[in-house]
Amino acid sequence: MRHTVKKSKRKNKQKNGRLLFAKITVAALVIYSIVTIISLQINIHSQEKQVSVLEGQVEEETMKKEQLTQIVGDDIDEEYIISEAQKNGYAAPNERVFKDVAGQ
């Protein structure tokens, strides 16, 4: 009788050990999943911010493009074109451009 009691206690200990290992494994998997989900949510939020910034830049560039298209499409007087070209550093052929460097 003692022999069977020892075997059943040993089986119970093994069964409890396996059960504990299974619980620890499941807990570790749950914790890993939660950490992964939180990390992905942070990445998604960061990417959404970046998309928002890029959409703002696209909208700004679209507005600039529309303004330039409107300017080109309208009848622009030659003086305006010359003044804008001079502001951007362009000059007509054989034209001398003097810059005031005394104030610098």
PDB file of N, CA and C in Angstrom:
ATOM      1  N   MET A   1       0.801  -1.176   0.000  1.00  0.00           N
ATOM      2  CA  MET A   1       0.000   0.000   0.000  1.00  0.00           C
ATOM      3  C   MET A   1       0.857   1.258   0.000  1.00  0.00           C
ATOM      4  N   ARG A   2       1.941   1.220   0.730  1.00  0.00           N
ATOM      5  CA  ARG A   2       2.835   2.375   0.770  1.00  0.00           C
ATOM      6  C   ARG A   2       3.417   2.653  -0.608  1.00  0.00           C
ATOM      7  N   HIS A   3       3.694   1.610  -1.308  1.00  0.00           N
ATOM      8  CA  HIS A   3       4.288   1.745  -2.631  1.00  0.00           C
ATOM      9  C   HIS A   3       3.338   2.471  -3.589  1.00  0.00           C
ATOM     10  N   THR A   4       2.093   2.196  -3.543  1.00  0.00           N
ATOM     11  CA  THR A   4       1.118   2.847  -4.405  1.00  0.00           C
ATOM     12  C   THR A   4       0.869   4.284  -3.978  1.00  0.00           C
ATOM     13  N   VAL A   5       0.977   4.576  -2.687  1.00  0.00           N
ATOM     14  CA  VAL A   5       0.793   5.945  -2.208  1.00  0.00           C
ATOM     15  C   VAL A   5       1.930   6.819  -2.701  1.00  0.00           C
ATOM     16  N   LYS A   6       3.152   6.303  -2.664  1.00  0.00           N
ATOM     17  CA  LYS A   6       4.314   7.056  -3.129  1.00  0.00           C
ATOM     18  C   LYS A   6       4.208   7.334  -4.628  1.00  0.00           C
ATOM     19  N   LYS A   7       3.751   6.351  -5.381  1.00  0.00           N
ATOM     20  CA  LYS A   7       3.598   6.527  -6.816  1.00  0.00           C
ATOM     21  C   LYS A   7       2.533   7.577  -7.122  1.00  0.00           C
ATOM     22  N   SER A   8       1.444   7.555  -6.413  1.00  0.00           N
ATOM     23  CA  SER A   8       0.389   8.525  -6.674  1.00  0.00           C
ATOM     24  C   SER A   8       0.833   9.928  -6.268  1.00  0.00           C
ATOM     25  N   LYS A   9       1.619  10.048  -5.171  1.00  0.00           N
ATOM     26  CA  LYS A   9       2.144  11.361  -4.778  1.00  0.00           C
ATOM     27  C   LYS A   9       3.119  11.874  -5.831  1.00  0.00           C
ATOM     28  N   ARG A  10       3.954  10.976  -6.340  1.00  0.00           N
ATOM     29  CA  ARG A  10       4.903  11.349  -7.374  1.00  0.00           C
ATOM     30  C   ARG A  10       4.186  11.787  -8.634  1.00  0.00           C
ATOM     31  N   LYS A  11       3.133  11.095  -9.009  1.00  0.00           N
ATOM     32  CA  LYS A  11       2.345  11.456 -10.187  1.00  0.00           C
ATOM     33  C   LYS A  11       1.661  12.806  -9.983  1.00  0.00           C
ATOM     34  N   ASN A  12       1.154  13.030  -8.772  1.00  0.00           N
ATOM     35  CA  ASN A  12       0.519  14.313  -8.473  1.00  0.00           C
ATOM     36  C   ASN A  12       1.532  15.454  -8.560  1.00  0.00           C
ATOM     37  N   LYS A  13       2.759  15.224  -8.060  1.00  0.00           N
ATOM     38  CA  LYS A  13       3.805  16.253  -8.120  1.00  0.00           C
ATOM     39  C   LYS A  13       4.168  16.536  -9.579  1.00  0.00           C
ATOM     40  N   GLN A  14       4.290  15.475 -10.372  1.00  0.00           N
ATOM     41  CA  GLN A  14       4.600  15.660 -11.792  1.00  0.00           C
ATOM     42  C   GLN A  14       3.469  16.400 -12.484  1.00  0.00           C
ATOM     43  N   LYS A  15       2.248  16.033 -12.154  1.00  0.00           N
ATOM     44  CA  LYS A  15       1.096  16.680 -12.763  1.00  0.00           C
ATOM     45  C   LYS A  15       1.040  18.150 -12.360  1.00  0.00           C
ATOM     46  N   ASN A  16       1.295  18.443 -11.090  1.00  0.00           N
ATOM     47  CA  ASN A  16       1.317  19.829 -10.615  1.00  0.00           C
ATOM     48  C   ASN A  16       2.456  20.615 -11.263  1.00  0.00           C
ATOM     49  N   GLY A  17       3.597  19.973 -11.456  1.00  0.00           N
ATOM     50  CA  GLY A  17       4.735  20.618 -12.107  1.00  0.00           C
ATOM     51  C   GLY A  17       4.428  20.963 -13.557  1.00  0.00           C
ATOM     52  N   ARG A  18       3.802  20.045 -14.247  1.00  0.00           N
ATOM     53  CA  ARG A  18       3.419  20.296 -15.638  1.00  0.00           C
ATOM     54  C   ARG A  18       2.372  21.412 -15.721  1.00  0.00           C
ATOM     55  N   LEU A  19       1.439  21.386 -14.794  1.00  0.00           N
ATOM     56  CA  LEU A  19       0.392  22.400 -14.755  1.00  0.00           C
ATOM     57  C   LEU A  19       0.997  23.782 -14.481  1.00  0.00           C
ATOM     58  N   LEU A  20       1.944  23.847 -13.559  1.00  0.00           N
ATOM     59  CA  LEU A  20       2.621  25.108 -13.252  1.00  0.00           C
ATOM     60  C   LEU A  20       3.400  25.607 -14.466  1.00  0.00           C
ATOM     61  N   PHE A  21       4.098  24.693 -15.131  1.00  0.00           N
ATOM     62  CA  PHE A  21       4.853  25.075 -16.332  1.00  0.00           C
ATOM     63  C   PHE A  21       3.915  25.605 -17.417  1.00  0.00           C
ATOM     64  N   ALA A  22       2.781  24.958 -17.571  1.00  0.00           N
ATOM     65  CA  ALA A  22       1.808  25.404 -18.579  1.00  0.00           C
ATOM     66  C   ALA A  22       1.271  26.790 -18.225  1.00  0.00           C
ATOM     67  N   LYS A  23       0.974  27.016 -16.938  1.00  0.00           N
ATOM     68  CA  LYS A  23       0.487  28.327 -16.507  1.00  0.00           C
ATOM     69  C   LYS A  23       1.532  29.409 -16.736  1.00  0.00           C
ATOM     70  N   ILE A  24       2.775  29.111 -16.409  1.00  0.00           N
ATOM     71  CA  ILE A  24       3.863  30.088 -16.614  1.00  0.00           C
ATOM     72  C   ILE A  24       4.029  30.387 -18.097  1.00  0.00           C
ATOM     73  N   THR A  25       3.963  29.366 -18.929  1.00  0.00           N
ATOM     74  CA  THR A  25       4.091  29.549 -20.372  1.00  0.00           C
ATOM     75  C   THR A  25       2.966  30.421 -20.922  1.00  0.00           C
ATOM     76  N   VAL A  26       1.742  30.152 -20.495  1.00  0.00           N
ATOM     77  CA  VAL A  26       0.598  30.942 -20.957  1.00  0.00           C
ATOM     78  C   VAL A  26       0.728  32.388 -20.481  1.00  0.00           C
ATOM     79  N   ALA A  27       1.142  32.589 -19.226  1.00  0.00           N
ATOM     80  CA  ALA A  27       1.313  33.943 -18.685  1.00  0.00           C
ATOM     81  C   ALA A  27       2.384  34.698 -19.467  1.00  0.00           C
ATOM     82  N   ALA A  28       3.489  34.021 -19.779  1.00  0.00           N
ATOM     83  CA  ALA A  28       4.553  34.661 -20.544  1.00  0.00           C
ATOM     84  C   ALA A  28       4.063  35.040 -21.941  1.00  0.00           C
ATOM     85  N   LEU A  29       3.300  34.180 -22.554  1.00  0.00           N
ATOM     86  CA  LEU A  29       2.755  34.453 -23.884  1.00  0.00           C
ATOM     87  C   LEU A  29       1.800  35.648 -23.853  1.00  0.00           C
ATOM     88  N   VAL A  30       0.965  35.709 -22.818  1.00  0.00           N
ATOM     89  CA  VAL A  30       0.024  36.829 -22.679  1.00  0.00           C
ATOM     90  C   VAL A  30       0.790  38.137 -22.480  1.00  0.00           C
ATOM     91  N   ILE A  31       1.797  38.123 -21.607  1.00  0.00           N
ATOM     92  CA  ILE A  31       2.592  39.335 -21.359  1.00  0.00           C
ATOM     93  C   ILE A  31       3.301  39.766 -22.636  1.00  0.00           C
ATOM     94  N   TYR A  32       3.889  38.826 -23.358  1.00  0.00           N
ATOM     95  CA  TYR A  32       4.567  39.145 -24.618  1.00  0.00           C
ATOM     96  C   TYR A  32       3.585  39.756 -25.614  1.00  0.00           C
ATOM     97  N   SER A  33       2.391  39.187 -25.697  1.00  0.00           N
ATOM     98  CA  SER A  33       1.377  39.704 -26.625  1.00  0.00           C
ATOM     99  C   SER A  33       0.967  41.124 -26.254  1.00  0.00           C
ATOM    100  N   ILE A  34       0.773  41.378 -24.964  1.00  0.00           N
ATOM    101  CA  ILE A  34       0.386  42.717 -24.522  1.00  0.00           C
ATOM    102  C   ILE A  34       1.471  43.728 -24.843  1.00  0.00           C
ATOM    103  N   VAL A  35       2.723  43.382 -24.556  1.00  0.00           N
ATOM    104  CA  VAL A  35       3.839  44.294 -24.853  1.00  0.00           C
ATOM    105  C   VAL A  35       3.931  44.548 -26.348  1.00  0.00           C
ATOM    106  N   THR A  36       3.762  43.524 -27.158  1.00  0.00           N
ATOM    107  CA  THR A  36       3.816  43.676 -28.614  1.00  0.00           C
ATOM    108  C   THR A  36       2.688  44.575 -29.111  1.00  0.00           C
ATOM    109  N   ILE A  37       1.491  44.393 -28.587  1.00  0.00           N
ATOM    110  CA  ILE A  37       0.352  45.222 -29.008  1.00  0.00           C
ATOM    111  C   ILE A  37       0.585  46.678 -28.637  1.00  0.00           C
ATOM    112  N   ILE A  38       1.084  46.925 -27.430  1.00  0.00           N
ATOM    113  CA  ILE A  38       1.362  48.304 -27.005  1.00  0.00           C
ATOM    114  C   ILE A  38       2.433  48.926 -27.892  1.00  0.00           C
ATOM    115  N   SER A  39       3.473  48.174 -28.184  1.00  0.00           N
ATOM    116  CA  SER A  39       4.540  48.673 -29.051  1.00  0.00           C
ATOM    117  C   SER A  39       4.012  49.012 -30.441  1.00  0.00           C
ATOM    118  N   LEU A  40       3.159  48.154 -30.974  1.00  0.00           N
ATOM    119  CA  LEU A  40       2.587  48.408 -32.300  1.00  0.00           C
ATOM    120  C   LEU A  40       1.670  49.628 -32.277  1.00  0.00           C
ATOM    121  N   GLN A  41       0.914  49.810 -31.210  1.00  0.00           N
ATOM    122  CA  GLN A  41       0.047  50.985 -31.094  1.00  0.00           C
ATOM    123  C   GLN A  41       0.881  52.263 -31.069  1.00  0.00           C
ATOM    124  N   ILE A  42       2.006  52.235 -30.361  1.00  0.00           N
ATOM    125  CA  ILE A  42       2.898  53.403 -30.321  1.00  0.00           C
ATOM    126  C   ILE A  42       3.446  53.688 -31.713  1.00  0.00           C
ATOM    127  N   ASN A  43       3.862  52.642 -32.417  1.00  0.00           N
ATOM    128  CA  ASN A  43       4.370  52.821 -33.789  1.00  0.00           C
ATOM    129  C   ASN A  43       3.283  53.367 -34.709  1.00  0.00           C
ATOM    130  N   ILE A  44       2.069  52.864 -34.578  1.00  0.00           N
ATOM    131  CA  ILE A  44       0.962  53.342 -35.411  1.00  0.00           C
ATOM    132  C   ILE A  44       0.698  54.813 -35.139  1.00  0.00           C
ATOM    133  N   HIS A  45       0.693  55.197 -33.879  1.00  0.00           N
ATOM    134  CA  HIS A  45       0.455  56.599 -33.520  1.00  0.00           C
ATOM    135  C   HIS A  45       1.555  57.492 -34.106  1.00  0.00           C
ATOM    136  N   SER A  46       2.793  57.035 -34.015  1.00  0.00           N
ATOM    137  CA  SER A  46       3.915  57.802 -34.576  1.00  0.00           C
ATOM    138  C   SER A  46       3.781  57.943 -36.092  1.00  0.00           C
ATOM    139  N   GLN A  47       3.415  56.868 -36.758  1.00  0.00           N
ATOM    140  CA  GLN A  47       3.259  56.898 -38.211  1.00  0.00           C
ATOM    141  C   GLN A  47       2.090  57.790 -38.617  1.00  0.00           C
ATOM    142  N   GLU A  48       1.014  57.792 -37.819  1.00  0.00           N
ATOM    143  CA  GLU A  48      -0.125  58.656 -38.126  1.00  0.00           C
ATOM    144  C   GLU A  48       0.267  60.127 -38.010  1.00  0.00           C
ATOM    145  N   LYS A  49       1.095  60.457 -37.020  1.00  0.00           N
ATOM    146  CA  LYS A  49       1.585  61.833 -36.897  1.00  0.00           C
ATOM    147  C   LYS A  49       2.409  62.207 -38.124  1.00  0.00           C
ATOM    148  N   GLN A  50       3.280  61.284 -38.545  1.00  0.00           N
ATOM    149  CA  GLN A  50       4.126  61.549 -39.706  1.00  0.00           C
ATOM    150  C   GLN A  50       3.269  61.723 -40.963  1.00  0.00           C
ATOM    151  N   VAL A  51       2.249  60.910 -41.125  1.00  0.00           N
ATOM    152  CA  VAL A  51       1.353  61.030 -42.277  1.00  0.00           C
ATOM    153  C   VAL A  51       0.651  62.381 -42.246  1.00  0.00           C
ATOM    154  N   SER A  52       0.234  62.806 -41.058  1.00  0.00           N
ATOM    155  CA  SER A  52      -0.441  64.095 -40.919  1.00  0.00           C
ATOM    156  C   SER A  52       0.478  65.235 -41.341  1.00  0.00           C
ATOM    157  N   VAL A  53       1.738  65.176 -40.903  1.00  0.00           N
ATOM    158  CA  VAL A  53       2.705  66.213 -41.279  1.00  0.00           C
ATOM    159  C   VAL A  53       2.920  66.209 -42.791  1.00  0.00           C
ATOM    160  N   LEU A  54       3.074  65.034 -43.370  1.00  0.00           N
ATOM    161  CA  LEU A  54       3.298  64.935 -44.813  1.00  0.00           C
ATOM    162  C   LEU A  54       2.076  65.403 -45.604  1.00  0.00           C
ATOM    163  N   GLU A  55       0.885  65.106 -45.106  1.00  0.00           N
ATOM    164  CA  GLU A  55      -0.317  65.586 -45.788  1.00  0.00           C
ATOM    165  C   GLU A  55      -0.378  67.113 -45.753  1.00  0.00           C
ATOM    166  N   GLY A  56       0.038  67.715 -44.643  1.00  0.00           N
ATOM    167  CA  GLY A  56       0.101  69.173 -44.552  1.00  0.00           C
ATOM    168  C   GLY A  56       1.077  69.745 -45.559  1.00  0.00           C
ATOM    169  N   GLN A  57       2.237  69.083 -45.703  1.00  0.00           N
ATOM    170  CA  GLN A  57       3.225  69.544 -46.680  1.00  0.00           C
ATOM    171  C   GLN A  57       2.690  69.406 -48.097  1.00  0.00           C
ATOM    172  N   VAL A  58       1.994  68.318 -48.381  1.00  0.00           N
ATOM    173  CA  VAL A  58       1.415  68.121 -49.717  1.00  0.00           C
ATOM    174  C   VAL A  58       0.395  69.207 -49.998  1.00  0.00           C
ATOM    175  N   GLU A  59      -0.430  69.521 -49.011  1.00  0.00           N
ATOM    176  CA  GLU A  59      -1.441  70.559 -49.183  1.00  0.00           C
ATOM    177  C   GLU A  59      -0.787  71.921 -49.438  1.00  0.00           C
ATOM    178  N   GLU A  60       0.273  72.198 -48.709  1.00  0.00           N
ATOM    179  CA  GLU A  60       0.993  73.471 -48.888  1.00  0.00           C
ATOM    180  C   GLU A  60       1.596  73.561 -50.285  1.00  0.00           C
ATOM    181  N   GLU A  61       2.223  72.479 -50.723  1.00  0.00           N
ATOM    182  CA  GLU A  61       2.830  72.464 -52.055  1.00  0.00           C
ATOM    183  C   GLU A  61       1.761  72.551 -53.146  1.00  0.00           C
ATOM    184  N   THR A  62       0.622  71.947 -52.920  1.00  0.00           N
ATOM    185  CA  THR A  62      -0.471  72.029 -53.885  1.00  0.00           C
ATOM    186  C   THR A  62      -0.952  73.463 -54.025  1.00  0.00           C
ATOM    187  N   MET A  63      -1.047  74.158 -52.887  1.00  0.00           N
ATOM    188  CA  MET A  63      -1.455  75.558 -52.932  1.00  0.00           C
ATOM    189  C   MET A  63      -0.425  76.404 -53.684  1.00  0.00           C
ATOM    190  N   LYS A  64       0.860  76.140 -53.440  1.00  0.00           N
ATOM    191  CA  LYS A  64       1.911  76.871 -54.158  1.00  0.00           C
ATOM    192  C   LYS A  64       1.809  76.606 -55.656  1.00  0.00           C
ATOM    193  N   LYS A  65       1.572  75.340 -55.993  1.00  0.00           N
ATOM    194  CA  LYS A  65       1.462  74.972 -57.405  1.00  0.00           C
ATOM    195  C   LYS A  65       0.286  75.687 -58.056  1.00  0.00           C
ATOM    196  N   GLU A  66      -0.843  75.735 -57.345  1.00  0.00           N
ATOM    197  CA  GLU A  66      -2.016  76.410 -57.894  1.00  0.00           C
ATOM    198  C   GLU A  66      -1.748  77.897 -58.093  1.00  0.00           C
ATOM    199  N   GLN A  67      -1.038  78.513 -57.136  1.00  0.00           N
ATOM    200  CA  GLN A  67      -0.698  79.929 -57.269  1.00  0.00           C
ATOM    201  C   GLN A  67       0.203  80.141 -58.479  1.00  0.00           C
ATOM    202  N   LEU A  68       1.200  79.280 -58.633  1.00  0.00           N
ATOM    203  CA  LEU A  68       2.107  79.424 -59.777  1.00  0.00           C
ATOM    204  C   LEU A  68       1.373  79.170 -61.092  1.00  0.00           C
ATOM    205  N   THR A  69       0.484  78.201 -61.112  1.00  0.00           N
ATOM    206  CA  THR A  69      -0.294  77.926 -62.319  1.00  0.00           C
ATOM    207  C   THR A  69      -1.177  79.116 -62.668  1.00  0.00           C
ATOM    208  N   GLN A  70      -1.765  79.717 -61.651  1.00  0.00           N
ATOM    209  CA  GLN A  70      -2.608  80.884 -61.878  1.00  0.00           C
ATOM    210  C   GLN A  70      -1.775  82.055 -62.397  1.00  0.00           C
ATOM    211  N   ILE A  71      -0.593  82.235 -61.816  1.00  0.00           N
ATOM    212  CA  ILE A  71       0.275  83.333 -62.262  1.00  0.00           C
ATOM    213  C   ILE A  71       0.698  83.116 -63.704  1.00  0.00           C
ATOM    214  N   VAL A  72       1.081  81.887 -64.033  1.00  0.00           N
ATOM    215  CA  VAL A  72       1.529  81.594 -65.401  1.00  0.00           C
ATOM    216  C   VAL A  72       0.352  81.704 -66.360  1.00  0.00           C
ATOM    217  N   GLY A  73      -0.817  81.279 -65.917  1.00  0.00           N
ATOM    218  CA  GLY A  73      -1.987  81.306 -66.778  1.00  0.00           C
ATOM    219  C   GLY A  73      -2.504  82.710 -67.029  1.00  0.00           C
ATOM    220  N   ASP A  74      -2.343  83.589 -66.076  1.00  0.00           N
ATOM    221  CA  ASP A  74      -2.809  84.962 -66.246  1.00  0.00           C
ATOM    222  C   ASP A  74      -1.863  85.724 -67.170  1.00  0.00           C
ATOM    223  N   ASP A  75      -2.370  86.827 -67.692  1.00  0.00           N
ATOM    224  CA  ASP A  75      -1.503  87.696 -68.482  1.00  0.00           C
ATOM    225  C   ASP A  75      -0.642  88.502 -67.522  1.00  0.00           C
ATOM    226  N   ILE A  76       0.599  88.126 -67.441  1.00  0.00           N
ATOM    227  CA  ILE A  76       1.523  88.784 -66.522  1.00  0.00           C
ATOM    228  C   ILE A  76       2.295  89.834 -67.315  1.00  0.00           C
ATOM    229  N   ASP A  77       2.404  90.984 -66.698  1.00  0.00           N
ATOM    230  CA  ASP A  77       3.185  92.004 -67.392  1.00  0.00           C
ATOM    231  C   ASP A  77       4.669  91.679 -67.268  1.00  0.00           C
ATOM    232  N   GLU A  78       5.413  92.152 -68.216  1.00  0.00           N
ATOM    233  CA  GLU A  78       6.832  91.832 -68.322  1.00  0.00           C
ATOM    234  C   GLU A  78       7.627  92.373 -67.135  1.00  0.00           C
ATOM    235  N   GLU A  79       7.221  93.494 -66.588  1.00  0.00           N
ATOM    236  CA  GLU A  79       7.942  94.070 -65.461  1.00  0.00           C
ATOM    237  C   GLU A  79       7.899  93.148 -64.235  1.00  0.00           C
ATOM    238  N   TYR A  80       6.776  92.513 -64.010  1.00  0.00           N
ATOM    239  CA  TYR A  80       6.657  91.589 -62.880  1.00  0.00           C
ATOM    240  C   TYR A  80       7.609  90.404 -63.059  1.00  0.00           C
ATOM    241  N   ILE A  81       7.664  89.869 -64.267  1.00  0.00           N
ATOM    242  CA  ILE A  81       8.542  88.734 -64.538  1.00  0.00           C
ATOM    243  C   ILE A  81       9.993  89.141 -64.314  1.00  0.00           C
ATOM    244  N   ILE A  82      10.371  90.317 -64.785  1.00  0.00           N
ATOM    245  CA  ILE A  82      11.746  90.788 -64.623  1.00  0.00           C
ATOM    246  C   ILE A  82      12.069  90.995 -63.147  1.00  0.00           C
ATOM    247  N   SER A  83      11.163  91.592 -62.401  1.00  0.00           N
ATOM    248  CA  SER A  83      11.434  91.843 -60.982  1.00  0.00           C
ATOM    249  C   SER A  83      11.564  90.530 -60.206  1.00  0.00           C
ATOM    250  N   GLU A  84      10.722  89.548 -60.516  1.00  0.00           N
ATOM    251  CA  GLU A  84      10.816  88.253 -59.836  1.00  0.00           C
ATOM    252  C   GLU A  84      12.114  87.540 -60.205  1.00  0.00           C
ATOM    253  N   ALA A  85      12.515  87.623 -61.463  1.00  0.00           N
ATOM    254  CA  ALA A  85      13.768  86.997 -61.899  1.00  0.00           C
ATOM    255  C   ALA A  85      14.948  87.648 -61.197  1.00  0.00           C
ATOM    256  N   GLN A  86      14.932  88.969 -61.068  1.00  0.00           N
ATOM    257  CA  GLN A  86      16.022  89.661 -60.393  1.00  0.00           C
ATOM    258  C   GLN A  86      16.076  89.295 -58.910  1.00  0.00           C
ATOM    259  N   LYS A  87      14.921  89.120 -58.279  1.00  0.00           N
ATOM    260  CA  LYS A  87      14.887  88.707 -56.866  1.00  0.00           C
ATOM    261  C   LYS A  87      15.524  87.337 -56.673  1.00  0.00           C
ATOM    262  N   ASN A  88      15.395  86.487 -57.672  1.00  0.00           N
ATOM    263  CA  ASN A  88      15.952  85.134 -57.587  1.00  0.00           C
ATOM    264  C   ASN A  88      17.368  85.038 -58.152  1.00  0.00           C
ATOM    265  N   GLY A  89      17.973  86.177 -58.482  1.00  0.00           N
ATOM    266  CA  GLY A  89      19.373  86.183 -58.917  1.00  0.00           C
ATOM    267  C   GLY A  89      19.600  86.031 -60.403  1.00  0.00           C
ATOM    268  N   TYR A  90      18.578  86.136 -61.212  1.00  0.00           N
ATOM    269  CA  TYR A  90      18.733  86.036 -62.659  1.00  0.00           C
ATOM    270  C   TYR A  90      18.969  87.421 -63.256  1.00  0.00           C
ATOM    271  N   ALA A  91      19.656  87.431 -64.388  1.00  0.00           N
ATOM    272  CA  ALA A  91      19.905  88.688 -65.079  1.00  0.00           C
ATOM    273  C   ALA A  91      19.768  88.455 -66.577  1.00  0.00           C
ATOM    274  N   ALA A  92      19.457  89.526 -67.287  1.00  0.00           N
ATOM    275  CA  ALA A  92      19.344  89.450 -68.741  1.00  0.00           C
ATOM    276  C   ALA A  92      20.740  89.379 -69.340  1.00  0.00           C
ATOM    277  N   PRO A  93      20.855  88.898 -70.557  1.00  0.00           N
ATOM    278  CA  PRO A  93      22.171  88.868 -71.203  1.00  0.00           C
ATOM    279  C   PRO A  93      22.756  90.290 -71.287  1.00  0.00           C
ATOM    280  N   ASN A  94      24.035  90.393 -71.035  1.00  0.00           N
ATOM    281  CA  ASN A  94      24.796  91.655 -71.068  1.00  0.00           C
ATOM    282  C   ASN A  94      24.284  92.664 -70.032  1.00  0.00           C
ATOM    283  N   GLU A  95      23.589  92.235 -69.029  1.00  0.00           N
ATOM    284  CA  GLU A  95      23.104  93.149 -67.996  1.00  0.00           C
ATOM    285  C   GLU A  95      24.084  93.105 -66.827  1.00  0.00           C
ATOM    286  N   ARG A  96      24.405  94.257 -66.286  1.00  0.00           N
ATOM    287  CA  ARG A  96      25.296  94.347 -65.137  1.00  0.00           C
ATOM    288  C   ARG A  96      24.451  94.505 -63.883  1.00  0.00           C
ATOM    289  N   VAL A  97      24.763  93.671 -62.887  1.00  0.00           N
ATOM    290  CA  VAL A  97      24.028  93.710 -61.641  1.00  0.00           C
ATOM    291  C   VAL A  97      24.987  94.111 -60.535  1.00  0.00           C
ATOM    292  N   PHE A  98      24.627  95.141 -59.820  1.00  0.00           N
ATOM    293  CA  PHE A  98      25.458  95.620 -58.711  1.00  0.00           C
ATOM    294  C   PHE A  98      24.734  95.319 -57.413  1.00  0.00           C
ATOM    295  N   LYS A  99      25.491  94.805 -56.458  1.00  0.00           N
ATOM    296  CA  LYS A  99      24.910  94.518 -55.143  1.00  0.00           C
ATOM    297  C   LYS A  99      25.563  95.412 -54.121  1.00  0.00           C
ATOM    298  N   ASP A 100      24.748  95.921 -53.199  1.00  0.00           N
ATOM    299  CA  ASP A 100      25.239  96.779 -52.138  1.00  0.00           C
ATOM    300  C   ASP A 100      25.750  95.881 -51.014  1.00  0.00           C
ATOM    301  N   VAL A 101      27.067  95.854 -50.856  1.00  0.00           N
ATOM    302  CA  VAL A 101      27.661  95.036 -49.803  1.00  0.00           C
ATOM    303  C   VAL A 101      28.164  95.881 -48.648  1.00  0.00           C
ATOM    304  N   ALA A 102      27.973  97.165 -48.716  1.00  0.00           N
ATOM    305  CA  ALA A 102      28.452  98.054 -47.659  1.00  0.00           C
ATOM    306  C   ALA A 102      27.703  97.848 -46.358  1.00  0.00           C
ATOM    307  N   GLY A 103      26.453  97.487 -46.438  1.00  0.00           N
ATOM    308  CA  GLY A 103      25.627  97.294 -45.241  1.00  0.00           C
ATOM    309  C   GLY A 103      25.872  95.980 -44.540  1.00  0.00           C
ATOM    310  N   GLN A 104      26.656  95.096 -45.111  1.00  0.00           N
ATOM    311  CA  GLN A 104      26.876  93.783 -44.504  1.00  0.00           C
ATOM    312  C   GLN A 104      28.013  93.748 -43.582  1.00  0.00           C
TER     313      GLN A 104
END
